[in-house]
N, C-alpha and C. Protein backbone atom coordinates (compact mmCIF):
# COMPACT_ATOMS: atom_id res chain seq x y z
N MET A 1 -43.04 50.31 240.70
CA MET A 1 -43.09 49.72 242.03
C MET A 1 -44.48 49.88 242.64
N THR A 2 -44.89 48.91 243.45
CA THR A 2 -46.16 48.96 244.12
C THR A 2 -45.95 49.35 245.57
N ARG A 3 -47.04 49.82 246.17
CA ARG A 3 -46.97 50.15 247.58
C ARG A 3 -47.06 48.90 248.44
N CYS A 4 -46.57 48.98 249.67
CA CYS A 4 -46.62 47.81 250.51
C CYS A 4 -48.03 47.55 250.97
N SER A 5 -48.32 46.29 251.15
CA SER A 5 -49.63 45.89 251.63
C SER A 5 -49.42 44.99 252.84
N ILE A 6 -49.53 45.56 254.04
CA ILE A 6 -49.26 44.83 255.25
C ILE A 6 -50.55 44.22 255.79
N ASP A 7 -50.56 42.93 256.06
CA ASP A 7 -51.74 42.27 256.60
C ASP A 7 -51.79 42.54 258.08
N ALA A 8 -52.72 43.40 258.50
CA ALA A 8 -52.82 43.76 259.91
C ALA A 8 -53.29 42.57 260.78
N ARG A 9 -53.82 41.57 260.12
CA ARG A 9 -54.30 40.40 260.83
C ARG A 9 -53.21 39.32 261.02
N ALA A 10 -52.00 39.59 260.57
CA ALA A 10 -50.92 38.65 260.67
C ALA A 10 -50.81 38.11 262.07
N SER A 11 -50.59 36.79 262.22
CA SER A 11 -50.57 36.18 263.52
C SER A 11 -49.46 36.70 264.42
N ALA A 12 -48.41 37.25 263.84
CA ALA A 12 -47.28 37.74 264.63
C ALA A 12 -47.35 39.25 264.86
N ALA A 13 -48.47 39.89 264.54
CA ALA A 13 -48.54 41.35 264.61
C ALA A 13 -48.33 41.89 266.00
N ALA A 14 -48.64 41.12 267.05
CA ALA A 14 -48.54 41.61 268.39
C ALA A 14 -47.10 41.45 268.94
N LEU A 15 -46.23 40.82 268.21
CA LEU A 15 -44.85 40.62 268.68
C LEU A 15 -44.10 41.93 268.64
N GLN A 16 -43.08 42.03 269.48
CA GLN A 16 -42.25 43.22 269.56
C GLN A 16 -40.99 42.98 268.77
N SER A 17 -40.70 43.81 267.80
CA SER A 17 -39.49 43.68 266.95
C SER A 17 -38.28 44.14 267.75
N ALA A 18 -37.14 43.54 267.40
CA ALA A 18 -35.90 43.98 268.01
C ALA A 18 -35.57 45.41 267.59
N GLU A 19 -35.06 46.20 268.48
CA GLU A 19 -34.86 47.62 268.21
C GLU A 19 -33.72 47.89 267.21
N CYS A 20 -32.98 46.85 266.88
CA CYS A 20 -31.85 47.03 265.97
C CYS A 20 -32.29 47.05 264.50
N CYS A 21 -33.56 46.81 264.23
CA CYS A 21 -34.03 46.74 262.84
C CYS A 21 -35.16 47.74 262.63
N LEU A 22 -35.25 48.25 261.39
CA LEU A 22 -36.29 49.22 261.04
C LEU A 22 -37.65 48.61 260.83
N LEU A 23 -37.74 47.31 260.55
CA LEU A 23 -38.99 46.66 260.27
C LEU A 23 -39.78 46.45 261.53
N ASP A 24 -41.04 46.81 261.51
CA ASP A 24 -41.91 46.48 262.64
C ASP A 24 -42.50 45.08 262.42
N ASP A 25 -43.36 44.67 263.33
CA ASP A 25 -43.82 43.28 263.29
C ASP A 25 -44.69 43.01 262.04
N ASP A 26 -45.53 43.96 261.67
CA ASP A 26 -46.38 43.76 260.49
C ASP A 26 -45.54 43.62 259.22
N ALA A 27 -44.47 44.47 259.10
CA ALA A 27 -43.64 44.45 257.90
C ALA A 27 -42.84 43.13 257.86
N THR A 28 -42.34 42.68 259.01
CA THR A 28 -41.59 41.41 259.04
C THR A 28 -42.54 40.25 258.72
N ALA A 29 -43.75 40.32 259.22
CA ALA A 29 -44.72 39.26 258.93
C ALA A 29 -45.06 39.22 257.42
N GLU A 30 -45.04 40.37 256.77
CA GLU A 30 -45.28 40.40 255.33
C GLU A 30 -44.17 39.73 254.56
N ILE A 31 -42.91 39.98 254.99
CA ILE A 31 -41.77 39.29 254.34
C ILE A 31 -41.87 37.80 254.52
N VAL A 32 -42.22 37.38 255.76
CA VAL A 32 -42.38 35.96 256.04
C VAL A 32 -43.48 35.36 255.18
N ARG A 33 -44.60 36.06 255.01
CA ARG A 33 -45.68 35.57 254.21
C ARG A 33 -45.30 35.45 252.73
N ARG A 34 -44.71 36.51 252.20
CA ARG A 34 -44.39 36.50 250.77
C ARG A 34 -43.33 35.49 250.42
N CYS A 35 -42.40 35.24 251.38
CA CYS A 35 -41.36 34.25 251.12
C CYS A 35 -41.80 32.84 251.53
N GLU A 36 -42.97 32.71 252.07
CA GLU A 36 -43.56 31.43 252.49
C GLU A 36 -42.63 30.72 253.48
N ILE A 37 -42.20 31.47 254.50
CA ILE A 37 -41.35 30.93 255.54
C ILE A 37 -42.25 30.25 256.59
N GLY A 38 -41.95 28.98 256.86
CA GLY A 38 -42.73 28.24 257.83
C GLY A 38 -41.86 27.20 258.53
N ASP A 39 -42.46 26.38 259.33
CA ASP A 39 -41.72 25.33 260.02
C ASP A 39 -40.93 24.48 259.04
N GLY A 40 -39.67 24.28 259.32
CA GLY A 40 -38.82 23.45 258.48
C GLY A 40 -38.16 24.16 257.30
N THR A 41 -38.51 25.43 257.07
CA THR A 41 -37.88 26.19 256.00
C THR A 41 -36.37 26.30 256.20
N ARG A 42 -35.64 26.04 255.17
CA ARG A 42 -34.16 26.20 255.23
C ARG A 42 -33.86 27.66 254.83
N LEU A 43 -33.50 28.44 255.83
CA LEU A 43 -33.38 29.89 255.66
C LEU A 43 -31.94 30.36 255.83
N LEU A 44 -31.42 31.08 254.84
CA LEU A 44 -30.10 31.67 254.95
C LEU A 44 -30.27 33.19 255.09
N ASP A 45 -29.68 33.77 256.14
CA ASP A 45 -29.76 35.17 256.42
C ASP A 45 -28.41 35.83 256.17
N LEU A 46 -28.27 36.52 255.02
CA LEU A 46 -27.00 37.14 254.66
C LEU A 46 -26.83 38.42 255.44
N GLY A 47 -25.66 38.61 256.04
CA GLY A 47 -25.42 39.79 256.85
C GLY A 47 -26.39 39.83 258.01
N CYS A 48 -26.49 38.71 258.72
CA CYS A 48 -27.54 38.53 259.75
C CYS A 48 -27.41 39.45 260.92
N GLY A 49 -26.20 40.00 261.16
CA GLY A 49 -26.01 40.87 262.30
C GLY A 49 -26.33 40.18 263.61
N ARG A 50 -27.20 40.83 264.42
CA ARG A 50 -27.58 40.30 265.72
C ARG A 50 -28.70 39.27 265.64
N GLY A 51 -28.99 38.82 264.42
CA GLY A 51 -29.96 37.74 264.23
C GLY A 51 -31.40 38.18 264.37
N PHE A 52 -31.68 39.42 263.91
CA PHE A 52 -33.06 39.97 264.07
C PHE A 52 -34.11 39.01 263.55
N LEU A 53 -33.97 38.54 262.30
CA LEU A 53 -35.00 37.68 261.71
C LEU A 53 -35.14 36.36 262.45
N GLY A 54 -34.00 35.75 262.81
CA GLY A 54 -34.04 34.50 263.54
C GLY A 54 -34.73 34.65 264.88
N ARG A 55 -34.45 35.76 265.56
CA ARG A 55 -35.11 36.06 266.88
C ARG A 55 -36.59 36.24 266.71
N TRP A 56 -36.96 36.98 265.66
CA TRP A 56 -38.38 37.25 265.40
C TRP A 56 -39.14 35.96 265.13
N LEU A 57 -38.54 35.08 264.34
CA LEU A 57 -39.18 33.84 264.00
C LEU A 57 -39.37 32.94 265.24
N LEU A 58 -38.39 32.95 266.11
CA LEU A 58 -38.49 32.17 267.36
C LEU A 58 -39.68 32.69 268.18
N ARG A 59 -39.78 34.01 268.29
CA ARG A 59 -40.88 34.56 269.09
C ARG A 59 -42.23 34.27 268.43
N ALA A 60 -42.23 34.13 267.10
CA ALA A 60 -43.47 33.79 266.39
C ALA A 60 -43.73 32.30 266.38
N HIS A 61 -42.85 31.55 267.01
CA HIS A 61 -42.97 30.05 267.08
C HIS A 61 -42.95 29.42 265.70
N ILE A 62 -42.13 30.03 264.85
CA ILE A 62 -41.87 29.43 263.51
C ILE A 62 -40.52 28.80 263.53
N ARG A 63 -40.48 27.47 263.44
CA ARG A 63 -39.25 26.70 263.68
C ARG A 63 -38.55 26.44 262.33
N VAL A 64 -37.76 27.39 261.91
CA VAL A 64 -37.01 27.23 260.66
C VAL A 64 -35.62 26.61 260.92
N ARG A 65 -35.01 26.21 259.86
CA ARG A 65 -33.61 25.76 259.94
C ARG A 65 -32.77 26.98 259.52
N TYR A 66 -32.39 27.73 260.57
CA TYR A 66 -31.82 29.07 260.36
C TYR A 66 -30.29 29.04 260.27
N ALA A 67 -29.75 29.68 259.21
CA ALA A 67 -28.31 29.84 259.08
C ALA A 67 -28.02 31.30 258.86
N GLY A 68 -27.13 31.89 259.66
CA GLY A 68 -26.79 33.29 259.53
C GLY A 68 -25.30 33.45 259.29
N VAL A 69 -24.95 34.45 258.51
CA VAL A 69 -23.52 34.73 258.25
C VAL A 69 -23.30 36.23 258.33
N ASP A 70 -22.19 36.61 258.96
CA ASP A 70 -21.86 38.02 259.11
C ASP A 70 -20.38 38.18 259.36
N ARG A 71 -19.83 39.34 258.97
CA ARG A 71 -18.40 39.60 259.15
C ARG A 71 -18.04 40.14 260.51
N ILE A 72 -19.05 40.55 261.30
CA ILE A 72 -18.78 41.19 262.57
C ILE A 72 -19.04 40.19 263.68
N GLU A 73 -17.98 39.73 264.33
CA GLU A 73 -18.09 38.68 265.34
C GLU A 73 -18.93 39.13 266.54
N ALA A 74 -18.82 40.40 266.91
CA ALA A 74 -19.60 40.86 268.08
C ALA A 74 -21.08 40.75 267.83
N ALA A 75 -21.51 41.02 266.61
CA ALA A 75 -22.93 40.87 266.27
C ALA A 75 -23.34 39.40 266.31
N LEU A 76 -22.47 38.54 265.81
CA LEU A 76 -22.78 37.10 265.79
C LEU A 76 -22.90 36.55 267.20
N GLU A 77 -22.13 37.07 268.12
CA GLU A 77 -22.24 36.62 269.51
C GLU A 77 -23.64 36.80 270.05
N SER A 78 -24.22 37.97 269.70
CA SER A 78 -25.62 38.24 270.10
C SER A 78 -26.56 37.31 269.39
N ALA A 79 -26.32 37.07 268.08
CA ALA A 79 -27.19 36.17 267.30
C ALA A 79 -27.16 34.76 267.87
N ARG A 80 -25.97 34.29 268.23
CA ARG A 80 -25.85 32.94 268.81
C ARG A 80 -26.59 32.83 270.12
N LYS A 81 -26.56 33.90 270.91
CA LYS A 81 -27.23 33.88 272.21
C LYS A 81 -28.74 33.84 272.06
N HIS A 82 -29.26 34.63 271.12
CA HIS A 82 -30.70 34.72 271.00
C HIS A 82 -31.33 33.69 270.05
N VAL A 83 -30.49 33.09 269.20
CA VAL A 83 -30.98 32.03 268.28
C VAL A 83 -30.08 30.81 268.46
N PRO A 84 -30.16 30.18 269.61
CA PRO A 84 -29.23 29.09 269.90
C PRO A 84 -29.35 27.88 268.99
N SER A 85 -30.51 27.74 268.32
CA SER A 85 -30.70 26.62 267.42
C SER A 85 -30.13 26.88 266.03
N GLY A 86 -29.75 28.14 265.75
CA GLY A 86 -29.26 28.49 264.44
C GLY A 86 -27.79 28.11 264.22
N MET A 87 -27.36 28.12 262.97
CA MET A 87 -25.96 27.87 262.64
C MET A 87 -25.38 29.20 262.16
N MET A 88 -24.53 29.79 262.98
CA MET A 88 -23.95 31.12 262.68
C MET A 88 -22.50 30.95 262.15
N THR A 89 -22.21 31.67 261.10
CA THR A 89 -20.90 31.58 260.47
C THR A 89 -20.28 32.96 260.40
N HIS A 90 -19.03 33.05 260.89
CA HIS A 90 -18.30 34.34 260.80
C HIS A 90 -17.54 34.37 259.47
N GLY A 91 -17.84 35.37 258.69
CA GLY A 91 -17.16 35.47 257.39
C GLY A 91 -17.90 36.38 256.43
N ASP A 92 -17.38 36.48 255.24
CA ASP A 92 -17.97 37.34 254.19
C ASP A 92 -18.78 36.46 253.24
N PHE A 93 -20.11 36.66 253.27
CA PHE A 93 -20.95 35.80 252.43
C PHE A 93 -20.67 36.00 250.94
N ARG A 94 -20.09 37.14 250.59
CA ARG A 94 -19.78 37.38 249.16
C ARG A 94 -18.67 36.50 248.66
N ALA A 95 -17.85 36.01 249.58
CA ALA A 95 -16.70 35.19 249.17
C ALA A 95 -16.94 33.72 249.46
N THR A 96 -18.16 33.35 249.82
CA THR A 96 -18.47 31.96 250.16
C THR A 96 -18.97 31.20 248.92
N ASP A 97 -18.58 29.98 248.83
CA ASP A 97 -19.00 29.12 247.72
C ASP A 97 -20.33 28.43 248.11
N TRP A 98 -21.44 29.11 247.85
CA TRP A 98 -22.74 28.62 248.26
C TRP A 98 -23.23 27.49 247.33
N GLN A 99 -24.00 26.55 247.95
CA GLN A 99 -24.62 25.50 247.20
C GLN A 99 -26.15 25.74 247.22
N PRO A 100 -26.87 25.34 246.19
CA PRO A 100 -28.31 25.62 246.13
C PRO A 100 -29.14 24.73 247.05
N GLU A 101 -29.07 24.99 248.35
CA GLU A 101 -29.71 24.10 249.34
C GLU A 101 -30.73 24.82 250.23
N PHE A 102 -30.96 26.12 249.97
CA PHE A 102 -31.87 26.87 250.84
C PHE A 102 -33.19 27.19 250.19
N ASP A 103 -34.25 27.21 250.96
CA ASP A 103 -35.59 27.52 250.45
C ASP A 103 -35.80 29.02 250.39
N VAL A 104 -35.16 29.74 251.30
CA VAL A 104 -35.32 31.21 251.36
C VAL A 104 -33.98 31.82 251.71
N VAL A 105 -33.66 32.93 251.04
CA VAL A 105 -32.48 33.75 251.41
C VAL A 105 -32.96 35.16 251.67
N THR A 106 -32.49 35.74 252.78
CA THR A 106 -32.82 37.11 253.10
C THR A 106 -31.58 37.97 253.27
N ALA A 107 -31.68 39.22 253.01
CA ALA A 107 -30.60 40.19 253.26
C ALA A 107 -31.28 41.46 253.76
N ILE A 108 -31.36 41.56 255.06
CA ILE A 108 -32.14 42.65 255.69
C ILE A 108 -31.22 43.74 256.24
N GLU A 109 -31.33 44.91 255.62
CA GLU A 109 -30.60 46.11 256.08
C GLU A 109 -29.10 45.90 256.21
N ILE A 110 -28.54 45.35 255.12
CA ILE A 110 -27.10 45.19 255.13
C ILE A 110 -26.38 46.43 254.62
N ALA A 111 -27.14 47.40 254.11
CA ALA A 111 -26.52 48.66 253.64
C ALA A 111 -27.59 49.74 253.61
N ILE A 112 -27.16 51.02 253.62
CA ILE A 112 -28.10 52.12 253.53
C ILE A 112 -27.77 53.04 252.34
N ASP A 113 -27.14 52.47 251.33
CA ASP A 113 -26.84 53.29 250.13
C ASP A 113 -27.83 53.08 249.03
N GLY A 114 -28.86 52.23 249.23
CA GLY A 114 -29.92 52.06 248.27
C GLY A 114 -29.54 51.27 247.03
N SER A 115 -28.37 50.73 246.95
CA SER A 115 -27.96 50.03 245.78
C SER A 115 -28.29 48.54 245.83
N VAL A 116 -28.53 47.95 244.68
CA VAL A 116 -28.69 46.51 244.54
C VAL A 116 -27.33 45.95 244.20
N ASP A 117 -26.67 45.39 245.21
CA ASP A 117 -25.30 44.92 245.07
C ASP A 117 -25.30 43.61 244.27
N GLU A 118 -24.54 43.59 243.17
CA GLU A 118 -24.48 42.40 242.37
C GLU A 118 -23.95 41.19 243.12
N SER A 119 -23.03 41.41 244.05
CA SER A 119 -22.47 40.32 244.77
C SER A 119 -23.50 39.72 245.75
N VAL A 120 -24.43 40.52 246.24
CA VAL A 120 -25.52 40.01 247.10
C VAL A 120 -26.44 39.15 246.23
N LEU A 121 -26.79 39.65 245.04
CA LEU A 121 -27.65 38.90 244.17
C LEU A 121 -27.01 37.56 243.77
N ALA A 122 -25.71 37.59 243.52
CA ALA A 122 -25.03 36.39 243.12
C ALA A 122 -25.03 35.37 244.27
N ALA A 123 -24.76 35.80 245.48
CA ALA A 123 -24.77 34.89 246.64
C ALA A 123 -26.13 34.29 246.86
N ALA A 124 -27.18 35.14 246.76
CA ALA A 124 -28.54 34.63 246.96
C ALA A 124 -28.93 33.63 245.90
N ALA A 125 -28.63 33.96 244.62
CA ALA A 125 -28.97 33.05 243.54
C ALA A 125 -28.24 31.70 243.66
N ALA A 126 -27.01 31.75 244.10
CA ALA A 126 -26.22 30.52 244.22
C ALA A 126 -26.75 29.66 245.37
N ALA A 127 -27.24 30.27 246.43
CA ALA A 127 -27.62 29.51 247.60
C ALA A 127 -29.07 28.98 247.54
N LEU A 128 -29.86 29.55 246.63
CA LEU A 128 -31.27 29.15 246.56
C LEU A 128 -31.49 27.94 245.67
N ARG A 129 -32.38 27.05 246.12
CA ARG A 129 -32.87 25.98 245.26
C ARG A 129 -33.79 26.56 244.21
N THR A 130 -34.04 25.83 243.17
CA THR A 130 -34.99 26.28 242.12
C THR A 130 -36.36 26.52 242.76
N GLY A 131 -36.92 27.68 242.51
CA GLY A 131 -38.22 28.06 243.06
C GLY A 131 -38.10 28.74 244.42
N GLY A 132 -36.88 28.85 245.00
CA GLY A 132 -36.68 29.46 246.29
C GLY A 132 -36.89 30.97 246.24
N ALA A 133 -37.19 31.56 247.40
CA ALA A 133 -37.55 32.98 247.52
C ALA A 133 -36.39 33.79 248.10
N PHE A 134 -36.31 35.01 247.68
CA PHE A 134 -35.27 35.98 248.14
C PHE A 134 -35.93 37.27 248.51
N ALA A 135 -35.50 37.86 249.61
CA ALA A 135 -36.02 39.17 250.04
C ALA A 135 -34.83 40.04 250.43
N LEU A 136 -34.74 41.20 249.82
CA LEU A 136 -33.63 42.16 250.07
C LEU A 136 -34.24 43.55 250.41
N THR A 137 -33.89 44.07 251.57
CA THR A 137 -34.38 45.41 251.90
C THR A 137 -33.36 46.44 251.40
N LEU A 138 -33.91 47.58 250.97
CA LEU A 138 -33.07 48.61 250.35
C LEU A 138 -33.43 49.98 250.91
N ALA A 139 -32.59 50.43 251.87
CA ALA A 139 -32.78 51.74 252.44
C ALA A 139 -31.78 52.70 251.80
N SER A 140 -32.19 53.95 251.62
CA SER A 140 -31.29 54.96 251.08
C SER A 140 -31.57 56.31 251.76
N LEU A 141 -30.59 57.18 251.70
CA LEU A 141 -30.63 58.43 252.42
C LEU A 141 -30.57 59.65 251.52
N ASP A 142 -30.71 59.46 250.20
CA ASP A 142 -30.51 60.61 249.30
C ASP A 142 -31.72 60.96 248.50
N GLY A 143 -32.87 60.32 248.74
CA GLY A 143 -34.10 60.62 248.01
C GLY A 143 -34.15 60.16 246.56
N GLN A 144 -33.15 59.36 246.17
CA GLN A 144 -33.06 58.93 244.76
C GLN A 144 -33.36 57.46 244.51
N ASN A 145 -34.02 56.84 245.46
CA ASN A 145 -34.22 55.39 245.40
C ASN A 145 -35.03 54.96 244.19
N ALA A 146 -36.09 55.69 243.87
CA ALA A 146 -37.00 55.24 242.81
C ALA A 146 -36.30 55.05 241.45
N GLY A 147 -35.55 56.07 241.02
CA GLY A 147 -34.87 55.97 239.73
C GLY A 147 -33.79 54.93 239.76
N ARG A 148 -33.06 54.84 240.86
CA ARG A 148 -31.96 53.85 240.95
C ARG A 148 -32.50 52.43 240.93
N LEU A 149 -33.57 52.15 241.63
CA LEU A 149 -34.11 50.80 241.71
C LEU A 149 -34.76 50.38 240.40
N GLY A 150 -35.38 51.33 239.68
CA GLY A 150 -35.94 50.99 238.39
C GLY A 150 -34.92 50.41 237.46
N THR A 151 -33.71 50.97 237.48
CA THR A 151 -32.63 50.44 236.64
C THR A 151 -32.10 49.10 237.17
N SER A 152 -32.03 48.98 238.51
CA SER A 152 -31.46 47.79 239.11
C SER A 152 -32.36 46.56 238.89
N LEU A 153 -33.64 46.78 238.71
CA LEU A 153 -34.57 45.66 238.54
C LEU A 153 -34.21 44.82 237.31
N GLU A 154 -33.68 45.43 236.32
CA GLU A 154 -33.32 44.68 235.11
C GLU A 154 -32.22 43.67 235.38
N SER A 155 -31.23 44.05 236.19
CA SER A 155 -30.16 43.12 236.49
C SER A 155 -30.66 41.99 237.39
N VAL A 156 -31.63 42.31 238.25
CA VAL A 156 -32.23 41.26 239.11
C VAL A 156 -32.89 40.21 238.25
N LYS A 157 -33.61 40.65 237.19
CA LYS A 157 -34.33 39.70 236.37
C LYS A 157 -33.40 38.80 235.55
N GLN A 158 -32.15 39.13 235.47
CA GLN A 158 -31.20 38.27 234.76
C GLN A 158 -30.83 37.04 235.61
N ARG A 159 -30.99 37.16 236.92
CA ARG A 159 -30.64 36.07 237.84
C ARG A 159 -31.85 35.33 238.38
N PHE A 160 -33.01 35.95 238.38
CA PHE A 160 -34.20 35.37 239.01
C PHE A 160 -35.35 35.30 238.00
N ALA A 161 -36.17 34.27 238.18
CA ALA A 161 -37.30 34.09 237.30
C ALA A 161 -38.40 35.10 237.54
N TYR A 162 -38.48 35.61 238.76
CA TYR A 162 -39.51 36.56 239.11
C TYR A 162 -38.91 37.63 240.05
N ALA A 163 -39.31 38.87 239.89
CA ALA A 163 -38.80 39.95 240.74
C ALA A 163 -39.83 41.04 240.89
N ASP A 164 -39.95 41.59 242.10
CA ASP A 164 -40.91 42.64 242.36
C ASP A 164 -40.32 43.61 243.37
N LEU A 165 -40.43 44.90 243.11
CA LEU A 165 -39.96 45.91 244.05
C LEU A 165 -41.17 46.57 244.73
N VAL A 166 -41.14 46.65 246.05
CA VAL A 166 -42.24 47.23 246.81
C VAL A 166 -41.71 48.43 247.57
N ASP A 167 -42.41 49.55 247.43
CA ASP A 167 -42.00 50.77 248.15
C ASP A 167 -42.65 50.77 249.52
N TRP A 168 -41.79 50.70 250.55
CA TRP A 168 -42.30 50.69 251.94
C TRP A 168 -41.88 51.97 252.70
N THR A 169 -41.54 53.02 251.97
CA THR A 169 -41.05 54.24 252.62
C THR A 169 -42.06 54.75 253.66
N GLN A 170 -43.33 54.87 253.28
CA GLN A 170 -44.33 55.44 254.17
C GLN A 170 -44.55 54.55 255.38
N CYS A 171 -44.42 53.23 255.16
CA CYS A 171 -44.63 52.29 256.29
C CYS A 171 -43.47 52.34 257.28
N VAL A 172 -42.27 52.52 256.79
CA VAL A 172 -41.08 52.36 257.63
C VAL A 172 -40.60 53.66 258.23
N THR A 173 -40.79 54.80 257.59
CA THR A 173 -40.21 56.06 258.03
C THR A 173 -40.51 56.39 259.51
N PRO A 174 -41.75 56.33 259.96
CA PRO A 174 -42.02 56.63 261.38
C PRO A 174 -41.22 55.75 262.33
N PHE A 175 -41.13 54.47 262.00
CA PHE A 175 -40.39 53.54 262.84
C PHE A 175 -38.90 53.81 262.73
N ALA A 176 -38.44 54.29 261.55
CA ALA A 176 -37.02 54.56 261.37
C ALA A 176 -36.56 55.66 262.32
N HIS A 177 -37.35 56.68 262.51
CA HIS A 177 -36.96 57.74 263.43
C HIS A 177 -36.76 57.25 264.83
N ARG A 178 -37.68 56.39 265.28
CA ARG A 178 -37.54 55.83 266.67
C ARG A 178 -36.31 54.94 266.77
N THR A 179 -36.15 54.07 265.74
CA THR A 179 -35.06 53.09 265.80
C THR A 179 -33.71 53.77 265.81
N TYR A 180 -33.47 54.69 264.87
CA TYR A 180 -32.14 55.35 264.81
C TYR A 180 -31.92 56.24 266.00
N GLY A 181 -32.98 56.77 266.59
CA GLY A 181 -32.80 57.52 267.83
C GLY A 181 -32.29 56.61 268.94
N TRP A 182 -32.82 55.39 268.98
CA TRP A 182 -32.33 54.42 269.95
C TRP A 182 -30.88 54.03 269.68
N TRP A 183 -30.54 53.95 268.43
CA TRP A 183 -29.15 53.59 268.07
C TRP A 183 -28.16 54.53 268.68
N LEU A 184 -28.50 55.81 268.79
CA LEU A 184 -27.54 56.80 269.28
C LEU A 184 -27.16 56.58 270.75
N THR A 185 -28.00 55.90 271.48
CA THR A 185 -27.69 55.68 272.92
C THR A 185 -27.57 54.20 273.24
N ALA A 186 -27.61 53.35 272.23
CA ALA A 186 -27.56 51.90 272.45
C ALA A 186 -26.17 51.46 272.94
N PRO A 187 -26.13 50.43 273.79
CA PRO A 187 -24.84 49.91 274.29
C PRO A 187 -24.17 49.00 273.28
N TRP A 188 -23.73 49.57 272.18
CA TRP A 188 -23.10 48.74 271.13
C TRP A 188 -21.75 48.21 271.60
N HIS A 189 -21.37 47.08 271.05
CA HIS A 189 -20.02 46.54 271.28
C HIS A 189 -19.03 47.49 270.62
N PRO A 190 -17.88 47.71 271.24
CA PRO A 190 -16.90 48.64 270.68
C PRO A 190 -16.52 48.38 269.22
N GLU A 191 -16.61 47.14 268.80
CA GLU A 191 -16.25 46.78 267.43
C GLU A 191 -17.19 47.42 266.40
N ILE A 192 -18.41 47.71 266.78
CA ILE A 192 -19.40 48.23 265.84
C ILE A 192 -20.00 49.56 266.26
N ALA A 193 -19.60 50.07 267.42
CA ALA A 193 -20.26 51.28 267.97
C ALA A 193 -20.09 52.49 267.04
N GLU A 194 -18.90 52.74 266.55
CA GLU A 194 -18.67 53.91 265.72
C GLU A 194 -19.49 53.83 264.42
N LYS A 195 -19.50 52.68 263.79
CA LYS A 195 -20.26 52.49 262.58
C LYS A 195 -21.73 52.71 262.78
N CYS A 196 -22.28 52.14 263.81
CA CYS A 196 -23.72 52.27 264.09
C CYS A 196 -24.12 53.70 264.41
N THR A 197 -23.27 54.38 265.19
CA THR A 197 -23.59 55.76 265.53
C THR A 197 -23.52 56.67 264.31
N ARG A 198 -22.54 56.45 263.46
CA ARG A 198 -22.37 57.24 262.23
C ARG A 198 -23.59 57.04 261.30
N GLU A 199 -24.00 55.77 261.12
CA GLU A 199 -25.15 55.51 260.29
C GLU A 199 -26.42 56.08 260.87
N ALA A 200 -26.58 56.03 262.19
CA ALA A 200 -27.78 56.56 262.81
C ALA A 200 -27.90 58.07 262.60
N LYS A 201 -26.80 58.78 262.74
CA LYS A 201 -26.83 60.23 262.58
C LYS A 201 -27.18 60.60 261.12
N ALA A 202 -26.59 59.91 260.20
CA ALA A 202 -26.86 60.15 258.77
C ALA A 202 -28.32 59.83 258.44
N ALA A 203 -28.83 58.76 258.98
CA ALA A 203 -30.19 58.37 258.69
C ALA A 203 -31.21 59.35 259.30
N LEU A 204 -30.97 59.83 260.49
CA LEU A 204 -31.86 60.77 261.12
C LEU A 204 -31.92 62.09 260.34
N VAL A 205 -30.82 62.53 259.83
CA VAL A 205 -30.80 63.73 259.01
C VAL A 205 -31.65 63.51 257.75
N ALA A 206 -31.47 62.34 257.11
CA ALA A 206 -32.24 62.00 255.91
C ALA A 206 -33.75 61.98 256.23
N VAL A 207 -34.13 61.39 257.33
CA VAL A 207 -35.53 61.33 257.70
C VAL A 207 -36.10 62.71 257.88
N GLU A 208 -35.37 63.56 258.59
CA GLU A 208 -35.83 64.94 258.87
C GLU A 208 -35.95 65.77 257.62
N ARG A 209 -35.11 65.48 256.61
CA ARG A 209 -35.15 66.24 255.35
C ARG A 209 -36.04 65.59 254.30
N GLY A 210 -36.70 64.49 254.64
CA GLY A 210 -37.56 63.83 253.69
C GLY A 210 -36.83 63.09 252.59
N LEU A 211 -35.59 62.70 252.86
CA LEU A 211 -34.76 62.02 251.85
C LEU A 211 -34.66 60.51 252.09
N PHE A 212 -35.26 60.02 253.18
CA PHE A 212 -35.16 58.63 253.50
C PHE A 212 -36.13 57.81 252.64
N ASN A 213 -35.64 56.78 252.02
CA ASN A 213 -36.46 55.85 251.26
C ASN A 213 -36.21 54.43 251.69
N TYR A 214 -37.25 53.60 251.52
CA TYR A 214 -37.10 52.18 251.91
C TYR A 214 -37.92 51.35 250.94
N ALA A 215 -37.29 50.36 250.38
CA ALA A 215 -37.98 49.42 249.47
C ALA A 215 -37.58 48.00 249.79
N VAL A 216 -38.35 47.09 249.32
CA VAL A 216 -38.05 45.66 249.50
C VAL A 216 -38.09 44.98 248.12
N LEU A 217 -37.07 44.24 247.81
CA LEU A 217 -37.05 43.44 246.59
C LEU A 217 -37.46 42.02 246.95
N PHE A 218 -38.48 41.51 246.29
CA PHE A 218 -38.89 40.11 246.44
C PHE A 218 -38.56 39.40 245.10
N ALA A 219 -37.94 38.27 245.18
CA ALA A 219 -37.62 37.53 243.95
C ALA A 219 -37.72 36.02 244.17
N ARG A 220 -37.85 35.33 243.07
CA ARG A 220 -37.82 33.86 243.10
C ARG A 220 -36.90 33.32 242.01
N LYS A 221 -36.24 32.30 242.36
CA LYS A 221 -35.25 31.73 241.42
C LYS A 221 -35.97 30.83 240.38
């Protein structure tokens, strides 16, 4: 795995990221750059939650054709409010019959167990057009990310023509502490409050013990 290389000159660097996500503006801009997201891009956001990426792109004045899907209706309500031009779908993206019509598929912080979920890879591969880009963030709380991801990369290469894992632990960890601290006092909807609080407590313990890891998988079909 290579270290992250964030372009400090990115045009969106001065934007403020939503507090619900661990990625700061420079890191998000790097994902946008590597996936070649621009005006008119057909973007599918798996497990979109509150629509962090869609909101960020709007503030960056990047007019994509945004589609988000999530199982938590309360989160989607927020996404619809902040990304009114997007198409939000309530449901399980793992059980959806996707067609290869998207230029980019993202799955940002849908889990904190550090695993490369085969069902996520399958959904992304099915939804992407040939040559399309995929970005998956992988956070873990047990300090074992490096060995686990090295093995997972082989399964990724079976579905995608190109794959690269980038270690962003050093870039994200300081921001992680602030973000999860905010999570503990955030006014979450009752439907997701318990889950978010539980994850925040576990993540803060991992950060304090030096067990927090964060990587990004970039792939192309």
